[in-house]
Amino acid sequence: MMISEKKIIGKFFLKTYGCQMNEYDSQKMAKMMDNIGLMSSDDFESADLIIINTCHIREKATEKLYSELGRIKKRKKPHTKIVVTGCVPQAEGEEVLRRNDVVDFIIGPQSIHLLPELVMKALSGEEFNKVNLDFPGMDKFDEIPESQYKNNIVANLTIQEGCDKFCKFCCVPYTRGAEYSRSVEKIYREALTLTTQNNAKAIYLLGQNVNAYHGKDESGKDYNLGRLIIDYIAKIPNLHRIFYTTSHPKDMHDELYEAHRTIENLMPFVHLPIQSGSNAILKDMNRGHTTEEYLKIIDKLRIVKSDMQFSTDIIIGYPGETDEDFEQTYQLMKHVSYAQSYLFKYSPRIGTPAANRTDQIPQNVVSERFQRLKALVDEQQRIFNQSMEGKTVNVLFERINDNKQLVGRSQYMHLVFVNMNENFNERMIGQTHQILISKAFGHSLLGEVVGEFVC
């Protein structure tokens, strides 16, 4: 019996800004477009549909959208339709359409399941809703494909969305909505699809507050993140690595500590944002924890896994931050000695309480503090990387770079390069090997094969 070929109706171009959850949504949207007969294109000038998936966490990310739209307007085909998705339209609404007459319609992150219908109407000239920003009373994950558009060694899997914390600097509760956790079975089924059909060897479990996960199984039994990992994710065959991000200190729990103690393929690397080392600023931010409580979490994770490493987020120049507040942040960073740190200058987001504060910090002060803290975290990462020289790490290889080197990541998220030879070549992609680190750089490592195949 002959299988009919899919009818191709055009091409789409998709650009993604922001977090891994946006990357996850983009993969789903790409699969939807593939399902309706649109082929992916790396060139927006040849596309019949352009999708821009946006981020609203920082002002710079929002302005990137408007800059990109201006560039596209000058060079796109006359009939090409443009859709803006993600958190910018959810936060700014019809302002996106007002500022950019080139945009045909907008979709919020909770409504992306509407994309195929809207696209087909737009391309055929039918009437359609230009503004799609509702938080529908249904599970969007029921309406989006579980399979991915492309095979990836490292895959993202959203298990939780939204946030109930209402930190005063953050727009997530307003753009992603209240906390919502997917069912255990749906997560497990999609994880199996990622590993069996899409060849994933590492899975990132994603959520705005991923360790606030509180899903249920078919019997109605409650599961937190730790139990989900122990009872389900860790039992998936051929899954080399499990990560989760982003965690909130308030949502750490005993089962998650137990998962780190007992699950071998749960990696010894946790992204645990603190945002500030000042208790006064943490209270003002509405973070719901103190630095002392945060440091107890760090200590406990290092007890259950002796080689545990951490990354964090820090906001510099939050309204009202004094020199003393900043110094407390600096000292906390020195104390913890993070493997990686992500520093952000405070950026007012419209609609958040902190944006209305009158005690905004002058930009020259913010920049000075930023540079001082950046020097510290760069030195910490350099020291951490240099500590790997002469040691063996496990590296999952993901790709080959332009220099004909295999590229992968260690269990601590180092970027690792290995020169290829006749025995160690592209066949190693998707495999994990023991690698002896010969040279450390500021943000990467160079190694050579010494150990046996790990998995």
Protein backbone atom coordinates (compact mmCIF):
# COMPACT_ATOMS: atom_id res chain seq x y z
CA MET A 1 0.00 0.00 0.00
CA MET A 2 1.37 3.39 -0.96
CA ILE A 3 1.61 6.04 1.76
CA SER A 4 0.65 9.45 0.42
CA GLU A 5 3.19 12.20 0.86
CA LYS A 6 2.35 15.20 3.03
CA LYS A 7 1.17 18.17 0.99
CA ILE A 8 3.57 21.11 1.33
CA ILE A 9 1.77 24.46 1.37
CA GLY A 10 4.71 26.76 2.12
CA LYS A 11 7.58 27.58 4.44
CA PHE A 12 7.83 28.96 7.96
CA PHE A 13 10.63 30.74 9.82
CA LEU A 14 10.71 30.61 13.63
CA LYS A 15 12.89 32.70 15.94
CA THR A 16 13.00 32.21 19.70
CA TYR A 17 14.05 34.57 22.47
CA GLY A 18 14.40 33.78 26.15
CA CYS A 19 14.30 30.73 28.35
CA GLN A 20 14.28 26.98 27.81
CA MET A 21 10.52 26.97 28.25
CA ASN A 22 10.27 29.22 25.21
CA GLU A 23 12.52 26.78 23.36
CA TYR A 24 10.15 24.00 24.37
CA ASP A 25 7.10 25.93 23.13
CA SER A 26 8.91 26.71 19.89
CA GLN A 27 9.59 23.04 19.22
CA LYS A 28 5.91 22.35 19.73
CA MET A 29 4.91 25.16 17.37
CA ALA A 30 7.40 23.91 14.76
CA LYS A 31 5.82 20.46 14.94
CA MET A 32 2.35 22.00 14.52
CA MET A 33 3.51 23.82 11.40
CA ASP A 34 5.05 20.65 10.05
CA ASN A 35 1.74 18.86 10.63
CA ILE A 36 -0.20 21.37 8.50
CA GLY A 37 2.31 21.25 5.63
CA LEU A 38 4.68 24.13 6.28
CA MET A 39 8.40 23.37 5.93
CA SER A 40 10.97 24.94 8.24
CA SER A 41 13.26 27.56 6.69
CA ASP A 42 16.39 29.20 8.07
CA ASP A 43 15.74 32.26 5.89
CA PHE A 44 12.86 34.57 6.79
CA GLU A 45 13.00 36.22 3.34
CA SER A 46 11.73 33.02 1.71
CA ALA A 47 9.13 32.20 4.38
CA ASP A 48 5.36 32.41 3.98
CA LEU A 49 4.94 32.54 7.76
CA ILE A 50 7.23 34.12 10.36
CA ILE A 51 6.82 33.22 14.03
CA ILE A 52 8.68 35.18 16.71
CA ASN A 53 8.49 33.62 20.18
CA THR A 54 9.31 36.32 22.70
CA CYS A 55 10.61 36.90 26.21
CA HIS A 56 9.51 39.70 28.55
CA ILE A 57 11.78 39.12 31.56
CA ARG A 58 14.15 41.97 30.65
CA GLU A 59 13.52 45.23 28.82
CA LYS A 60 16.37 44.44 26.43
CA ALA A 61 14.63 41.23 25.37
CA THR A 62 11.45 43.15 24.56
CA GLU A 63 13.27 45.76 22.51
CA LYS A 64 14.95 42.97 20.54
CA LEU A 65 11.51 42.04 19.25
CA TYR A 66 10.77 45.50 17.90
CA SER A 67 14.21 45.75 16.35
CA GLU A 68 13.76 42.35 14.69
CA LEU A 69 10.34 43.30 13.33
CA GLY A 70 11.79 46.45 11.77
CA ARG A 71 14.46 44.38 10.01
CA ILE A 72 11.93 41.81 8.80
CA LYS A 73 9.52 44.44 7.48
CA LYS A 74 12.11 45.69 4.99
CA ARG A 75 12.99 42.29 3.54
CA LYS A 76 10.06 39.87 3.87
CA LYS A 77 7.91 38.76 0.94
CA PRO A 78 4.77 40.91 0.48
CA HIS A 79 2.31 38.15 1.30
CA THR A 80 4.19 36.74 4.32
CA LYS A 81 2.18 36.55 7.55
CA ILE A 82 3.84 37.40 10.88
CA VAL A 83 2.76 36.14 14.28
CA VAL A 84 4.28 37.20 17.61
CA THR A 85 3.94 34.67 20.42
CA GLY A 86 5.21 34.32 23.97
CA CYS A 87 5.35 36.67 26.92
CA VAL A 88 5.72 40.07 25.22
CA PRO A 89 2.24 40.03 23.65
CA GLN A 90 0.81 38.56 26.84
CA ALA A 91 2.25 41.48 28.82
CA GLU A 92 1.81 44.31 26.32
CA GLY A 93 -1.30 43.14 24.48
CA GLU A 94 -2.44 45.17 21.50
CA GLU A 95 0.51 47.52 21.97
CA VAL A 96 2.50 45.02 19.89
CA LEU A 97 0.07 45.45 17.00
CA ARG A 98 -0.05 49.22 17.44
CA ARG A 99 3.73 49.62 17.34
CA ASN A 100 4.19 47.24 14.41
CA ASP A 101 1.71 47.27 11.54
CA VAL A 102 3.68 44.39 10.02
CA VAL A 103 2.35 41.96 12.70
CA ASP A 104 -0.74 40.03 11.59
CA PHE A 105 -1.72 38.48 14.93
CA ILE A 106 -0.47 37.77 18.45
CA ILE A 107 -0.74 34.69 20.68
CA GLY A 108 0.03 34.37 24.38
CA PRO A 109 2.00 31.37 25.73
CA GLN A 110 -1.14 29.66 27.06
CA SER A 111 -2.88 29.79 23.68
CA ILE A 112 -0.28 28.36 21.30
CA HIS A 113 -2.53 25.37 20.61
CA LEU A 114 -4.63 27.81 18.51
CA LEU A 115 -1.73 28.47 16.14
CA PRO A 116 -2.52 25.92 13.35
CA GLU A 117 -6.11 27.12 12.94
CA LEU A 118 -5.10 30.78 12.95
CA VAL A 119 -2.29 30.21 10.48
CA MET A 120 -4.51 28.35 8.03
CA LYS A 121 -7.10 31.13 8.18
CA ALA A 122 -4.45 33.82 7.75
CA LEU A 123 -2.82 32.11 4.77
CA SER A 124 -6.17 31.45 3.06
CA GLY A 125 -7.51 34.96 3.56
CA GLU A 126 -10.26 34.04 6.03
CA GLU A 127 -11.17 36.19 9.01
CA PHE A 128 -9.39 35.33 12.26
CA ASN A 129 -8.76 36.72 15.74
CA LYS A 130 -5.76 39.02 15.78
CA VAL A 131 -5.46 39.01 19.58
CA ASN A 132 -5.31 35.65 21.37
CA LEU A 133 -4.24 36.21 24.96
CA ASP A 134 -6.78 34.32 27.07
CA PHE A 135 -5.87 31.84 29.76
CA PRO A 136 -8.27 29.12 28.61
CA GLY A 137 -9.81 26.78 31.18
CA MET A 138 -8.14 23.75 29.66
CA ASP A 139 -4.78 22.08 29.50
CA LYS A 140 -2.92 23.48 26.50
CA PHE A 141 -0.74 20.36 26.59
CA ASP A 142 -3.76 18.30 25.52
CA GLU A 143 -3.80 20.24 22.26
CA ILE A 144 -0.12 20.37 21.32
CA PRO A 145 1.86 17.44 19.88
CA GLU A 146 4.00 15.37 22.24
CA SER A 147 6.46 14.44 19.52
CA GLN A 148 9.20 16.93 18.67
CA TYR A 149 10.01 18.46 15.31
CA LYS A 150 13.67 17.46 15.32
CA ASN A 151 15.84 14.86 17.02
CA ASN A 152 17.95 16.33 19.81
CA ILE A 153 20.45 14.66 22.13
CA VAL A 154 19.38 17.12 24.82
CA ALA A 155 15.63 17.72 25.12
CA ASN A 156 13.42 20.08 27.09
CA LEU A 157 10.25 18.86 28.78
CA THR A 158 7.92 21.33 30.47
CA ILE A 159 6.27 19.78 33.53
CA GLN A 160 5.05 22.94 35.27
CA GLU A 161 4.09 26.45 34.19
CA GLY A 162 3.22 29.67 35.91
CA CYS A 163 4.05 31.14 39.30
CA ASP A 164 2.17 31.98 42.50
CA LYS A 165 5.11 33.69 44.24
CA PHE A 166 4.58 37.25 42.92
CA CYS A 167 8.13 38.48 43.40
CA LYS A 168 7.85 42.24 43.01
CA PHE A 169 10.33 42.44 40.11
CA CYS A 170 8.90 39.58 38.04
CA CYS A 171 6.29 39.55 35.27
CA VAL A 172 5.89 35.74 35.09
CA PRO A 173 2.63 35.52 37.12
CA TYR A 174 1.09 38.02 34.70
CA THR A 175 2.40 36.44 31.49
CA ARG A 176 2.33 32.71 32.31
CA GLY A 177 -0.47 32.68 34.88
CA ALA A 178 -0.92 30.69 38.06
CA GLU A 179 1.09 27.57 38.83
CA TYR A 180 -0.07 24.56 36.87
CA SER A 181 1.39 21.05 36.94
CA ARG A 182 0.95 18.43 34.23
CA SER A 183 -0.17 14.92 35.10
CA VAL A 184 2.44 12.27 35.86
CA GLU A 185 1.35 10.03 32.99
CA LYS A 186 1.50 12.79 30.38
CA ILE A 187 5.00 13.75 31.47
CA TYR A 188 6.19 10.16 31.48
CA ARG A 189 4.66 9.46 28.07
CA GLU A 190 6.30 12.51 26.54
CA ALA A 191 9.65 11.64 28.15
CA LEU A 192 9.44 8.18 26.57
CA THR A 193 8.68 9.78 23.20
CA LEU A 194 11.74 12.00 23.56
CA THR A 195 14.04 9.07 24.26
CA THR A 196 12.59 6.41 21.96
CA GLN A 197 11.53 8.48 18.94
CA ASN A 198 13.74 11.55 19.21
CA ASN A 199 16.95 9.95 20.52
CA ALA A 200 17.22 12.21 23.57
CA LYS A 201 19.88 11.16 26.08
CA ALA A 202 19.43 14.08 28.47
CA ILE A 203 16.17 15.69 29.57
CA TYR A 204 15.70 19.05 31.25
CA LEU A 205 12.52 19.10 33.33
CA LEU A 206 11.28 22.67 33.04
CA GLY A 207 9.07 24.99 35.02
CA GLN A 208 8.96 28.58 36.13
CA ASN A 209 9.07 27.04 39.62
CA VAL A 210 9.90 23.49 38.66
CA ASN A 211 10.33 22.20 42.22
CA ALA A 212 6.82 23.46 43.01
CA TYR A 213 5.56 20.66 40.76
CA HIS A 214 2.48 19.00 42.30
CA GLY A 215 0.98 16.71 39.69
CA LYS A 216 -1.21 13.65 40.06
CA ASP A 217 -1.17 10.14 38.62
CA GLU A 218 -4.20 8.37 37.19
CA SER A 219 -5.32 7.21 40.64
CA GLY A 220 -5.24 10.78 41.97
CA LYS A 221 -2.07 10.28 44.02
CA ASP A 222 -0.04 13.47 44.50
CA TYR A 223 3.54 13.67 43.21
CA ASN A 224 6.17 16.29 43.90
CA LEU A 225 9.27 16.73 41.75
CA GLY A 226 11.40 14.37 43.81
CA ARG A 227 8.88 11.53 43.61
CA LEU A 228 8.32 12.17 39.89
CA ILE A 229 12.03 11.75 39.26
CA ILE A 230 12.46 8.71 41.52
CA ASP A 231 9.34 6.78 40.47
CA TYR A 232 9.14 7.71 36.78
CA ILE A 233 11.84 9.74 35.03
CA ALA A 234 14.79 7.81 36.46
CA LYS A 235 13.29 4.54 35.20
CA ILE A 236 13.26 5.55 31.54
CA PRO A 237 15.65 3.32 29.54
CA ASN A 238 18.72 4.86 27.87
CA LEU A 239 18.31 8.22 29.60
CA HIS A 240 21.82 9.31 30.58
CA ARG A 241 21.03 12.56 32.33
CA ILE A 242 18.26 14.37 34.21
CA PHE A 243 18.37 18.08 35.04
CA TYR A 244 15.63 20.39 36.33
CA THR A 245 15.29 24.18 36.20
CA THR A 246 14.35 26.71 37.52
CA SER A 247 14.09 26.01 41.24
CA HIS A 248 12.80 28.28 43.99
CA PRO A 249 14.33 27.99 47.49
CA LYS A 250 10.87 27.92 49.08
CA ASP A 251 9.97 24.74 47.20
CA MET A 252 12.84 22.43 48.13
CA HIS A 253 11.56 19.22 49.73
CA ASP A 254 12.81 16.00 51.30
CA GLU A 255 12.03 13.77 48.30
CA LEU A 256 14.13 16.00 46.06
CA TYR A 257 17.09 15.69 48.42
CA GLU A 258 16.48 11.93 48.37
CA ALA A 259 16.46 11.90 44.57
CA HIS A 260 19.87 13.58 44.50
CA ARG A 261 21.18 11.07 46.99
CA THR A 262 19.92 7.94 45.23
CA ILE A 263 19.41 8.61 41.50
CA GLU A 264 22.68 8.23 39.60
CA ASN A 265 21.58 9.96 36.41
CA LEU A 266 20.17 13.01 38.24
CA MET A 267 23.09 15.34 37.66
CA PRO A 268 24.99 17.00 40.55
CA PHE A 269 24.18 20.49 39.30
CA VAL A 270 21.34 22.70 40.52
CA HIS A 271 20.29 26.13 39.32
CA LEU A 272 19.01 27.83 42.50
CA PRO A 273 18.45 31.58 42.10
CA ILE A 274 18.75 33.75 45.19
CA GLN A 275 18.52 37.18 43.43
CA SER A 276 20.13 39.05 46.37
CA GLY A 277 22.31 38.30 49.38
CA SER A 278 20.55 40.93 51.50
CA ASN A 279 17.69 39.81 53.74
CA ALA A 280 16.20 43.29 53.57
CA ILE A 281 16.12 43.18 49.76
CA LEU A 282 14.83 39.57 49.72
CA LYS A 283 11.97 40.62 51.99
CA ASP A 284 11.21 43.62 49.81
CA MET A 285 11.28 41.43 46.71
CA ASN A 286 8.74 39.09 48.37
CA ARG A 287 11.06 36.13 47.86
CA GLY A 288 9.77 34.40 51.00
CA HIS A 289 13.12 33.16 52.34
CA THR A 290 16.25 34.48 54.01
CA THR A 291 19.91 34.07 53.09
CA GLU A 292 20.32 31.78 56.12
CA GLU A 293 17.55 29.48 54.88
CA TYR A 294 19.05 29.53 51.38
CA LEU A 295 22.51 28.57 52.65
CA LYS A 296 21.02 25.65 54.62
CA ILE A 297 19.64 24.32 51.33
CA ILE A 298 23.08 24.62 49.71
CA ASP A 299 24.67 22.78 52.65
CA LYS A 300 22.06 20.02 52.62
CA LEU A 301 22.47 19.37 48.90
CA ARG A 302 26.25 19.20 49.34
CA ILE A 303 25.77 16.65 52.11
CA VAL A 304 23.54 14.35 50.02
CA LYS A 305 25.85 14.73 46.97
CA SER A 306 29.42 15.63 47.83
CA ASP A 307 30.31 16.89 44.32
CA MET A 308 27.19 19.07 43.96
CA GLN A 309 27.68 22.32 42.05
CA PHE A 310 25.39 25.35 41.76
CA SER A 311 24.45 28.22 39.51
CA THR A 312 22.34 31.22 40.46
CA ASP A 313 20.67 34.43 39.29
CA ILE A 314 21.48 37.80 40.83
CA ILE A 315 19.65 41.09 40.28
CA ILE A 316 21.88 44.12 40.74
CA GLY A 317 20.39 47.51 41.48
CA TYR A 318 16.95 46.48 42.72
CA PRO A 319 15.12 49.62 43.92
CA GLY A 320 16.34 50.70 47.33
CA GLU A 321 19.50 48.53 47.23
CA THR A 322 22.11 50.20 49.44
CA ASP A 323 25.87 49.77 49.38
CA GLU A 324 25.48 47.51 52.42
CA ASP A 325 22.84 45.38 50.63
CA PHE A 326 25.16 44.95 47.66
CA GLU A 327 28.11 44.07 49.91
CA GLN A 328 26.02 41.31 51.51
CA THR A 329 25.31 39.93 48.03
CA TYR A 330 29.00 40.08 47.20
CA GLN A 331 29.94 38.20 50.37
CA LEU A 332 27.29 35.53 49.81
CA MET A 333 28.62 34.94 46.31
CA LYS A 334 32.12 34.53 47.72
CA HIS A 335 30.85 32.11 50.35
CA VAL A 336 28.90 29.80 48.04
CA SER A 337 31.45 29.92 45.19
CA TYR A 338 29.10 29.13 42.32
CA ALA A 339 30.14 27.13 39.27
CA GLN A 340 28.13 29.56 37.13
CA SER A 341 26.32 32.82 37.86
CA TYR A 342 23.94 34.91 35.79
CA LEU A 343 24.00 38.61 36.62
CA PHE A 344 21.24 41.02 35.60
CA LYS A 345 20.94 44.74 36.01
CA TYR A 346 17.50 45.46 37.43
CA SER A 347 15.05 46.16 34.62
CA PRO A 348 11.60 47.63 35.47
CA ARG A 349 8.79 45.58 33.94
CA ILE A 350 5.50 47.36 33.38
CA GLY A 351 2.82 46.07 35.73
CA THR A 352 5.16 44.80 38.43
CA PRO A 353 5.17 46.54 41.86
CA ALA A 354 8.90 47.32 41.78
CA ALA A 355 8.54 49.28 38.55
CA ASN A 356 6.58 51.97 40.40
CA ARG A 357 9.21 52.53 43.07
CA THR A 358 10.63 56.03 43.34
CA ASP A 359 13.96 54.85 44.78
CA GLN A 360 15.38 53.45 41.53
CA ILE A 361 19.18 53.11 41.60
CA PRO A 362 21.19 55.41 39.28
CA GLN A 363 22.57 53.51 36.30
CA ASN A 364 26.16 54.52 36.99
CA VAL A 365 25.89 52.93 40.44
CA VAL A 366 24.27 49.80 39.01
CA SER A 367 27.00 49.50 36.37
CA GLU A 368 29.77 49.88 38.94
CA ARG A 369 28.26 47.19 41.16
CA PHE A 370 27.69 44.95 38.15
CA GLN A 371 31.32 45.14 37.06
CA ARG A 372 32.60 44.42 40.57
CA LEU A 373 30.40 41.35 40.93
CA LYS A 374 31.14 40.16 37.41
CA ALA A 375 34.86 40.20 38.18
CA LEU A 376 34.18 37.94 41.16
CA VAL A 377 32.01 35.41 39.33
CA ASP A 378 34.39 35.28 36.36
CA GLU A 379 37.22 34.48 38.76
CA GLN A 380 35.12 31.84 40.52
CA GLN A 381 34.28 30.14 37.24
CA ARG A 382 37.94 30.30 36.15
CA ILE A 383 39.05 28.66 39.41
CA PHE A 384 36.34 26.01 39.14
CA ASN A 385 37.29 25.21 35.56
CA GLN A 386 41.00 25.05 36.41
CA SER A 387 40.21 22.63 39.23
CA MET A 388 39.11 20.16 36.53
CA GLU A 389 42.58 19.99 34.93
CA GLY A 390 44.02 16.52 35.40
CA LYS A 391 40.64 15.12 36.47
CA THR A 392 38.24 12.85 34.64
CA VAL A 393 34.68 13.94 33.91
CA ASN A 394 31.79 12.24 32.14
CA VAL A 395 30.91 14.02 28.90
CA LEU A 396 27.74 13.54 26.86
CA PHE A 397 28.63 14.47 23.28
CA GLU A 398 26.05 16.52 21.40
CA ARG A 399 27.59 17.77 18.15
CA ILE A 400 30.69 18.51 16.04
CA ASN A 401 31.93 22.09 15.75
CA ASP A 402 33.54 23.89 12.81
CA ASN A 403 37.00 22.92 14.09
CA LYS A 404 36.12 19.22 13.72
CA GLN A 405 35.99 18.71 17.47
CA LEU A 406 33.39 16.73 19.36
CA VAL A 407 31.46 19.02 21.68
CA GLY A 408 29.60 17.95 24.79
CA ARG A 409 28.93 18.83 28.40
CA SER A 410 30.18 17.45 31.67
CA GLN A 411 27.93 16.48 34.55
CA TYR A 412 28.63 19.99 35.91
CA MET A 413 27.52 21.71 32.69
CA HIS A 414 31.04 22.53 31.46
CA LEU A 415 31.32 22.87 27.70
CA VAL A 416 33.95 20.26 26.73
CA PHE A 417 35.84 19.95 23.43
CA VAL A 418 37.65 16.79 22.30
CA ASN A 419 39.71 16.43 19.12
CA MET A 420 38.46 13.65 16.87
CA ASN A 421 40.45 10.73 15.50
CA GLU A 422 39.66 7.62 13.48
CA ASN A 423 38.34 5.81 16.57
CA PHE A 424 36.65 8.74 18.27
CA ASN A 425 34.45 10.53 15.77
CA GLU A 426 30.87 11.44 14.91
CA ARG A 427 29.70 8.01 16.07
CA MET A 428 30.24 9.26 19.62
CA ILE A 429 27.39 11.80 19.37
CA GLY A 430 24.74 10.74 21.85
CA GLN A 431 27.20 8.73 23.93
CA THR A 432 28.76 9.52 27.31
CA HIS A 433 32.49 8.92 27.80
CA GLN A 434 35.08 9.51 30.48
CA ILE A 435 37.28 12.42 29.43
CA LEU A 436 40.57 13.55 30.99
CA ILE A 437 40.68 17.34 31.11
CA SER A 438 43.99 18.66 29.79
CA LYS A 439 43.27 22.40 29.61
CA ALA A 440 40.77 24.78 31.19
CA PHE A 441 39.57 28.05 29.69
CA GLY A 442 37.27 30.76 30.99
CA HIS A 443 34.08 29.09 29.83
CA SER A 444 35.10 25.68 28.48
CA LEU A 445 37.41 22.69 28.85
CA LEU A 446 39.63 20.72 26.45
CA GLY A 447 39.96 17.00 27.06
CA GLU A 448 41.01 13.64 25.69
CA VAL A 449 39.53 10.17 25.86
CA VAL A 450 40.93 8.04 28.65
CA GLY A 451 38.06 6.10 30.18
CA GLU A 452 35.67 3.47 28.96
CA PHE A 453 32.32 4.11 27.36
CA VAL A 454 30.00 5.13 30.20
CA CYS A 455 26.59 4.86 28.58
